[in-house]
Amino acid sequence: MSRFKVGYLIGSLSSQSINRKLAKALIRLAPEGMQFHEIAFRDLPLYSPDYDADFPQVALDFKAAIAASDAVLFVTPEYNRSIPGGLKNAIDWATRPSGTNSFARKPSAVIGTSPGAIGTAIAQQSLRGVLGFCNSPQMTSPEAYIQFKPGLITDEGEVTVPGTEDFLRKYMAEFHAFIGRVLTVLPRQ
C-alpha cells in the first residue's frame, strides 16, 4: 500500500468545533498508508498584496506545510452559505505571491459536518470552485455531507453510528486511492 503524507485544514477556528471531531474520526478510520498533520492557519494575518514582497514567517511556514504534504484534506463547516473567512484567507495566502500557488497539482478532498440536514453542501460547493481555480485536483466522489447530532462522534474521534463509521472509512479509502491515481499522473515536482 502506498504511503501518503496528508495535511488537513479544519475550516472552523473554534476549539469546540464539530469539524475537528470529524477530522479526528477521519484520521482514526483512514487506511494505514496515510500519515496526517494539521495545517493550522489561525495565526495568519489578513492577506494583502502588500505582503507579497516580504512574506511574514507564519505565512512561509504555512506554505511549507502544504508543500510537505502529498495531498490536502479540507474539513469545513458552512458559514453564511459559504466557507469560513479564515479558511478563505488561508487559501489566499497559499496561492500568493503570483506564481507560487501551493495547491497547484496537489490532490485534495472536501468534507464537512453541520447540525443541518444538508451538512456543508453549499460551503463545499463554494470551496470546490476556489480549489478548481487553484488547479488542485479534487476527489469529487463520494461526496460527504455529514449531519452532526450530539453523540455522533466522541471527543476522541470515535463514530458511534455504525453506518456513518462505515461510510467515513470508505470515504478515506477512496481518498487514499485518489491520491495514488493523481500522483501517478501528476508526480510531485
C-alpha atoms as a PDB file:
ATOM      1  CA  MET A   1       0.000   0.000   0.000  1.00  0.00           C
ATOM      2  CA  SER A   2       1.314   3.448  -0.943  1.00  0.00           C
ATOM      3  CA  ARG A   3       2.090   5.844   1.884  1.00  0.00           C
ATOM      4  CA  PHE A   4       0.998   9.460   1.680  1.00  0.00           C
ATOM      5  CA  LYS A   5       1.535  12.433   3.934  1.00  0.00           C
ATOM      6  CA  VAL A   6      -1.803  14.247   4.174  1.00  0.00           C
ATOM      7  CA  GLY A   7      -2.157  17.752   5.522  1.00  0.00           C
ATOM      8  CA  TYR A   8      -5.593  18.691   6.783  1.00  0.00           C
ATOM      9  CA  LEU A   9      -7.198  22.084   7.299  1.00  0.00           C
ATOM     10  CA  ILE A  10     -10.127  22.498   9.676  1.00  0.00           C
ATOM     11  CA  GLY A  11     -12.283  25.383   8.482  1.00  0.00           C
ATOM     12  CA  SER A  12     -13.541  26.300  11.942  1.00  0.00           C
ATOM     13  CA  LEU A  13     -11.276  28.107  14.383  1.00  0.00           C
ATOM     14  CA  SER A  14     -13.434  27.050  17.356  1.00  0.00           C
ATOM     15  CA  SER A  15     -11.758  24.846  19.942  1.00  0.00           C
ATOM     16  CA  GLN A  16     -15.104  23.008  20.253  1.00  0.00           C
ATOM     17  CA  SER A  17     -15.545  22.551  16.506  1.00  0.00           C
ATOM     18  CA  ILE A  18     -17.617  19.563  15.423  1.00  0.00           C
ATOM     19  CA  ASN A  19     -15.466  19.559  12.269  1.00  0.00           C
ATOM     20  CA  ARG A  20     -12.405  18.996  14.462  1.00  0.00           C
ATOM     21  CA  LYS A  21     -14.198  15.939  15.867  1.00  0.00           C
ATOM     22  CA  LEU A  22     -14.913  14.806  12.318  1.00  0.00           C
ATOM     23  CA  ALA A  23     -11.229  15.242  11.409  1.00  0.00           C
ATOM     24  CA  LYS A  24     -10.230  13.061  14.380  1.00  0.00           C
ATOM     25  CA  ALA A  25     -12.693  10.404  13.228  1.00  0.00           C
ATOM     26  CA  LEU A  26     -11.374  10.506   9.656  1.00  0.00           C
ATOM     27  CA  ILE A  27      -7.803  10.038  10.869  1.00  0.00           C
ATOM     28  CA  ARG A  28      -8.865   7.050  13.007  1.00  0.00           C
ATOM     29  CA  LEU A  29     -10.699   5.465  10.078  1.00  0.00           C
ATOM     30  CA  ALA A  30      -8.096   6.111   7.382  1.00  0.00           C
ATOM     31  CA  PRO A  31      -6.083   3.299   5.789  1.00  0.00           C
ATOM     32  CA  GLU A  32      -2.639   2.621   7.265  1.00  0.00           C
ATOM     33  CA  GLY A  33      -0.969   4.240   4.260  1.00  0.00           C
ATOM     34  CA  MET A  34      -1.954   7.749   5.332  1.00  0.00           C
ATOM     35  CA  GLN A  35       0.025   9.920   7.744  1.00  0.00           C
ATOM     36  CA  PHE A  36      -1.744  13.094   8.908  1.00  0.00           C
ATOM     37  CA  HIS A  37      -0.678  16.512  10.132  1.00  0.00           C
ATOM     38  CA  GLU A  38      -2.844  19.538  10.765  1.00  0.00           C
ATOM     39  CA  ILE A  39      -2.018  22.631   8.749  1.00  0.00           C
ATOM     40  CA  ALA A  40      -3.088  25.386  11.108  1.00  0.00           C
ATOM     41  CA  PHE A  41      -3.907  28.861   9.859  1.00  0.00           C
ATOM     42  CA  ARG A  42      -5.221  30.631  12.968  1.00  0.00           C
ATOM     43  CA  ASP A  43      -2.213  32.972  13.214  1.00  0.00           C
ATOM     44  CA  LEU A  44      -2.204  34.186   9.602  1.00  0.00           C
ATOM     45  CA  PRO A  45      -2.922  37.912   9.294  1.00  0.00           C
ATOM     46  CA  LEU A  46      -5.489  39.049   6.755  1.00  0.00           C
ATOM     47  CA  TYR A  47      -3.901  38.689   3.334  1.00  0.00           C
ATOM     48  CA  SER A  48      -2.948  41.822   1.411  1.00  0.00           C
ATOM     49  CA  PRO A  49      -0.797  42.140  -1.716  1.00  0.00           C
ATOM     50  CA  ASP A  50       1.349  44.491   0.385  1.00  0.00           C
ATOM     51  CA  TYR A  51       2.896  41.333   1.894  1.00  0.00           C
ATOM     52  CA  ASP A  52       3.954  39.846  -1.453  1.00  0.00           C
ATOM     53  CA  ALA A  53       7.408  41.435  -1.434  1.00  0.00           C
ATOM     54  CA  ASP A  54       8.126  40.323   2.153  1.00  0.00           C
ATOM     55  CA  PHE A  55       6.038  37.372   3.342  1.00  0.00           C
ATOM     56  CA  PRO A  56       5.766  37.018   7.123  1.00  0.00           C
ATOM     57  CA  GLN A  57       7.312  33.873   8.618  1.00  0.00           C
ATOM     58  CA  VAL A  58       3.915  32.491   9.665  1.00  0.00           C
ATOM     59  CA  ALA A  59       2.805  32.537   6.014  1.00  0.00           C
ATOM     60  CA  LEU A  60       6.072  30.962   4.830  1.00  0.00           C
ATOM     61  CA  ASP A  61       5.606  28.191   7.428  1.00  0.00           C
ATOM     62  CA  PHE A  62       2.018  27.686   6.284  1.00  0.00           C
ATOM     63  CA  LYS A  63       3.078  27.339   2.637  1.00  0.00           C
ATOM     64  CA  ALA A  64       5.896  24.968   3.647  1.00  0.00           C
ATOM     65  CA  ALA A  65       3.422  22.705   5.490  1.00  0.00           C
ATOM     66  CA  ILE A  66       1.319  22.436   2.342  1.00  0.00           C
ATOM     67  CA  ALA A  67       4.415  21.802   0.216  1.00  0.00           C
ATOM     68  CA  ALA A  68       5.462  18.990   2.568  1.00  0.00           C
ATOM     69  CA  SER A  69       2.099  17.251   2.030  1.00  0.00           C
ATOM     70  CA  ASP A  70       1.283  14.793  -0.726  1.00  0.00           C
ATOM     71  CA  ALA A  71      -2.388  15.789  -0.501  1.00  0.00           C
ATOM     72  CA  VAL A  72      -4.727  18.085   1.408  1.00  0.00           C
ATOM     73  CA  LEU A  73      -7.991  17.286   3.180  1.00  0.00           C
ATOM     74  CA  PHE A  74     -10.385  20.145   3.917  1.00  0.00           C
ATOM     75  CA  VAL A  75     -12.790  19.563   6.830  1.00  0.00           C
ATOM     76  CA  THR A  76     -15.036  22.586   6.993  1.00  0.00           C
ATOM     77  CA  PRO A  77     -18.302  23.943   8.328  1.00  0.00           C
ATOM     78  CA  GLU A  78     -20.592  26.238   6.386  1.00  0.00           C
ATOM     79  CA  TYR A  79     -20.767  29.904   7.353  1.00  0.00           C
ATOM     80  CA  ASN A  80     -23.428  32.035   5.693  1.00  0.00           C
ATOM     81  CA  ARG A  81     -23.750  29.703   2.698  1.00  0.00           C
ATOM     82  CA  SER A  82     -20.013  29.653   2.023  1.00  0.00           C
ATOM     83  CA  ILE A  83     -16.689  28.751   3.591  1.00  0.00           C
ATOM     84  CA  PRO A  84     -15.443  30.418   6.775  1.00  0.00           C
ATOM     85  CA  GLY A  85     -13.497  33.630   6.207  1.00  0.00           C
ATOM     86  CA  GLY A  86     -10.405  32.300   7.962  1.00  0.00           C
ATOM     87  CA  LEU A  87     -10.214  29.358   5.561  1.00  0.00           C
ATOM     88  CA  LYS A  88     -10.586  31.606   2.517  1.00  0.00           C
ATOM     89  CA  ASN A  89      -7.851  33.863   3.902  1.00  0.00           C
ATOM     90  CA  ALA A  90      -5.570  30.828   4.333  1.00  0.00           C
ATOM     91  CA  ILE A  91      -6.173  29.749   0.740  1.00  0.00           C
ATOM     92  CA  ASP A  92      -5.340  33.269  -0.430  1.00  0.00           C
ATOM     93  CA  TRP A  93      -2.033  33.134   1.471  1.00  0.00           C
ATOM     94  CA  ALA A  94      -1.237  29.711  -0.003  1.00  0.00           C
ATOM     95  CA  THR A  95      -1.632  30.969  -3.557  1.00  0.00           C
ATOM     96  CA  ARG A  96       0.432  34.148  -3.267  1.00  0.00           C
ATOM     97  CA  PRO A  97       2.532  35.787  -4.468  1.00  0.00           C
ATOM     98  CA  SER A  98       1.547  35.126  -8.053  1.00  0.00           C
ATOM     99  CA  GLY A  99       3.307  32.068  -9.440  1.00  0.00           C
ATOM    100  CA  THR A 100       3.687  30.336  -6.057  1.00  0.00           C
ATOM    101  CA  ASN A 101       0.357  28.527  -5.756  1.00  0.00           C
ATOM    102  CA  SER A 102       0.833  25.836  -3.102  1.00  0.00           C
ATOM    103  CA  PHE A 103      -2.288  23.934  -4.204  1.00  0.00           C
ATOM    104  CA  ALA A 104      -1.364  23.522  -7.878  1.00  0.00           C
ATOM    105  CA  ARG A 105      -1.352  19.807  -8.788  1.00  0.00           C
ATOM    106  CA  LYS A 106      -1.944  18.886  -5.116  1.00  0.00           C
ATOM    107  CA  PRO A 107      -4.701  16.251  -4.681  1.00  0.00           C
ATOM    108  CA  SER A 108      -7.483  17.416  -2.388  1.00  0.00           C
ATOM    109  CA  ALA A 109     -10.734  16.267  -0.822  1.00  0.00           C
ATOM    110  CA  VAL A 110     -13.508  18.225   0.860  1.00  0.00           C
ATOM    111  CA  ILE A 111     -15.781  17.051   3.664  1.00  0.00           C
ATOM    112  CA  GLY A 112     -17.664  18.684   6.492  1.00  0.00           C
ATOM    113  CA  THR A 113     -20.346  18.429   9.119  1.00  0.00           C
ATOM    114  CA  SER A 114     -23.033  20.706  10.479  1.00  0.00           C
ATOM    115  CA  PRO A 115     -26.223  20.310  12.512  1.00  0.00           C
ATOM    116  CA  GLY A 116     -28.341  20.997   9.423  1.00  0.00           C
ATOM    117  CA  ALA A 117     -29.781  18.245   7.246  1.00  0.00           C
ATOM    118  CA  ILE A 118     -27.745  19.193   4.171  1.00  0.00           C
ATOM    119  CA  GLY A 119     -24.490  19.231   6.098  1.00  0.00           C
ATOM    120  CA  THR A 120     -21.989  21.560   4.485  1.00  0.00           C
ATOM    121  CA  ALA A 121     -23.138  21.114   0.888  1.00  0.00           C
ATOM    122  CA  ILE A 122     -23.128  24.785  -0.096  1.00  0.00           C
ATOM    123  CA  ALA A 123     -19.808  25.511   1.627  1.00  0.00           C
ATOM    124  CA  GLN A 124     -18.258  22.544  -0.136  1.00  0.00           C
ATOM    125  CA  GLN A 125     -19.550  23.753  -3.496  1.00  0.00           C
ATOM    126  CA  SER A 126     -18.029  27.168  -2.832  1.00  0.00           C
ATOM    127  CA  LEU A 127     -14.717  25.613  -1.761  1.00  0.00           C
ATOM    128  CA  ARG A 128     -14.646  23.372  -4.838  1.00  0.00           C
ATOM    129  CA  GLY A 129     -14.913  26.449  -7.056  1.00  0.00           C
ATOM    130  CA  VAL A 130     -11.952  28.056  -5.286  1.00  0.00           C
ATOM    131  CA  LEU A 131      -9.861  24.860  -5.434  1.00  0.00           C
ATOM    132  CA  GLY A 132     -10.683  24.456  -9.129  1.00  0.00           C
ATOM    133  CA  PHE A 133      -9.232  27.897  -9.768  1.00  0.00           C
ATOM    134  CA  CYS A 134      -6.207  26.896  -7.664  1.00  0.00           C
ATOM    135  CA  ASN A 135      -5.594  23.926 -10.014  1.00  0.00           C
ATOM    136  CA  SER A 136      -5.989  21.385  -7.205  1.00  0.00           C
ATOM    137  CA  PRO A 137      -7.238  18.000  -8.494  1.00  0.00           C
ATOM    138  CA  GLN A 138     -10.301  17.199  -6.377  1.00  0.00           C
ATOM    139  CA  MET A 139     -11.893  13.950  -5.317  1.00  0.00           C
ATOM    140  CA  THR A 140     -15.475  14.559  -6.407  1.00  0.00           C
ATOM    141  CA  SER A 141     -16.941  11.203  -5.446  1.00  0.00           C
ATOM    142  CA  PRO A 142     -18.035  10.158  -2.963  1.00  0.00           C
ATOM    143  CA  GLU A 143     -19.407  13.425  -1.690  1.00  0.00           C
ATOM    144  CA  ALA A 144     -19.760  13.665   2.086  1.00  0.00           C
ATOM    145  CA  TYR A 145     -22.182  15.996   3.838  1.00  0.00           C
ATOM    146  CA  ILE A 146     -22.436  14.790   7.419  1.00  0.00           C
ATOM    147  CA  GLN A 147     -25.352  15.897   9.577  1.00  0.00           C
ATOM    148  CA  PHE A 148     -23.972  16.170  13.092  1.00  0.00           C
ATOM    149  CA  LYS A 149     -26.116  15.125  16.019  1.00  0.00           C
ATOM    150  CA  PRO A 150     -24.973  15.119  19.654  1.00  0.00           C
ATOM    151  CA  GLY A 151     -23.020  11.950  20.377  1.00  0.00           C
ATOM    152  CA  LEU A 152     -22.334  11.073  16.714  1.00  0.00           C
ATOM    153  CA  ILE A 153     -18.576  11.466  17.243  1.00  0.00           C
ATOM    154  CA  THR A 154     -16.844  11.393  20.615  1.00  0.00           C
ATOM    155  CA  ASP A 155     -14.148  13.859  21.618  1.00  0.00           C
ATOM    156  CA  GLU A 156     -11.612  11.114  20.840  1.00  0.00           C
ATOM    157  CA  GLY A 157     -12.920  10.706  17.289  1.00  0.00           C
ATOM    158  CA  GLU A 158     -14.921   7.508  17.721  1.00  0.00           C
ATOM    159  CA  VAL A 159     -18.009   7.343  15.498  1.00  0.00           C
ATOM    160  CA  THR A 160     -20.981   5.916  17.404  1.00  0.00           C
ATOM    161  CA  VAL A 161     -23.274   5.163  14.433  1.00  0.00           C
ATOM    162  CA  PRO A 162     -22.064   2.071  12.530  1.00  0.00           C
ATOM    163  CA  GLY A 163     -23.449   3.207   9.161  1.00  0.00           C
ATOM    164  CA  THR A 164     -21.711   6.570   9.423  1.00  0.00           C
ATOM    165  CA  GLU A 165     -18.490   4.920  10.577  1.00  0.00           C
ATOM    166  CA  ASP A 166     -18.554   2.567   7.585  1.00  0.00           C
ATOM    167  CA  PHE A 167     -19.261   5.443   5.184  1.00  0.00           C
ATOM    168  CA  LEU A 168     -16.373   7.527   6.562  1.00  0.00           C
ATOM    169  CA  ARG A 169     -13.992   4.540   6.409  1.00  0.00           C
ATOM    170  CA  LYS A 170     -14.909   4.040   2.737  1.00  0.00           C
ATOM    171  CA  TYR A 171     -14.530   7.784   2.089  1.00  0.00           C
ATOM    172  CA  MET A 172     -10.982   7.708   3.420  1.00  0.00           C
ATOM    173  CA  ALA A 173     -10.142   4.553   1.437  1.00  0.00           C
ATOM    174  CA  GLU A 174     -11.376   6.331  -1.700  1.00  0.00           C
ATOM    175  CA  PHE A 175      -9.255   9.378  -0.843  1.00  0.00           C
ATOM    176  CA  HIS A 176      -6.186   7.172  -0.446  1.00  0.00           C
ATOM    177  CA  ALA A 177      -6.821   5.600  -3.865  1.00  0.00           C
ATOM    178  CA  PHE A 178      -7.490   9.032  -5.405  1.00  0.00           C
ATOM    179  CA  ILE A 179      -4.172  10.405  -4.148  1.00  0.00           C
ATOM    180  CA  GLY A 180      -2.385   7.453  -5.711  1.00  0.00           C
ATOM    181  CA  ARG A 181      -4.092   7.990  -9.065  1.00  0.00           C
ATOM    182  CA  VAL A 182      -3.362  11.721  -9.132  1.00  0.00           C
ATOM    183  CA  LEU A 183       0.280  11.337  -8.138  1.00  0.00           C
ATOM    184  CA  THR A 184       0.746   8.673 -10.815  1.00  0.00           C
ATOM    185  CA  VAL A 185      -0.402  11.106 -13.494  1.00  0.00           C
ATOM    186  CA  LEU A 186       0.960  14.294 -11.889  1.00  0.00           C
ATOM    187  CA  PRO A 187       4.079  13.261  -9.953  1.00  0.00           C
ATOM    188  CA  ARG A 188       5.380  15.691  -7.340  1.00  0.00           C
ATOM    189  CA  GLN A 189       7.953  18.061  -8.726  1.00  0.00           C
END
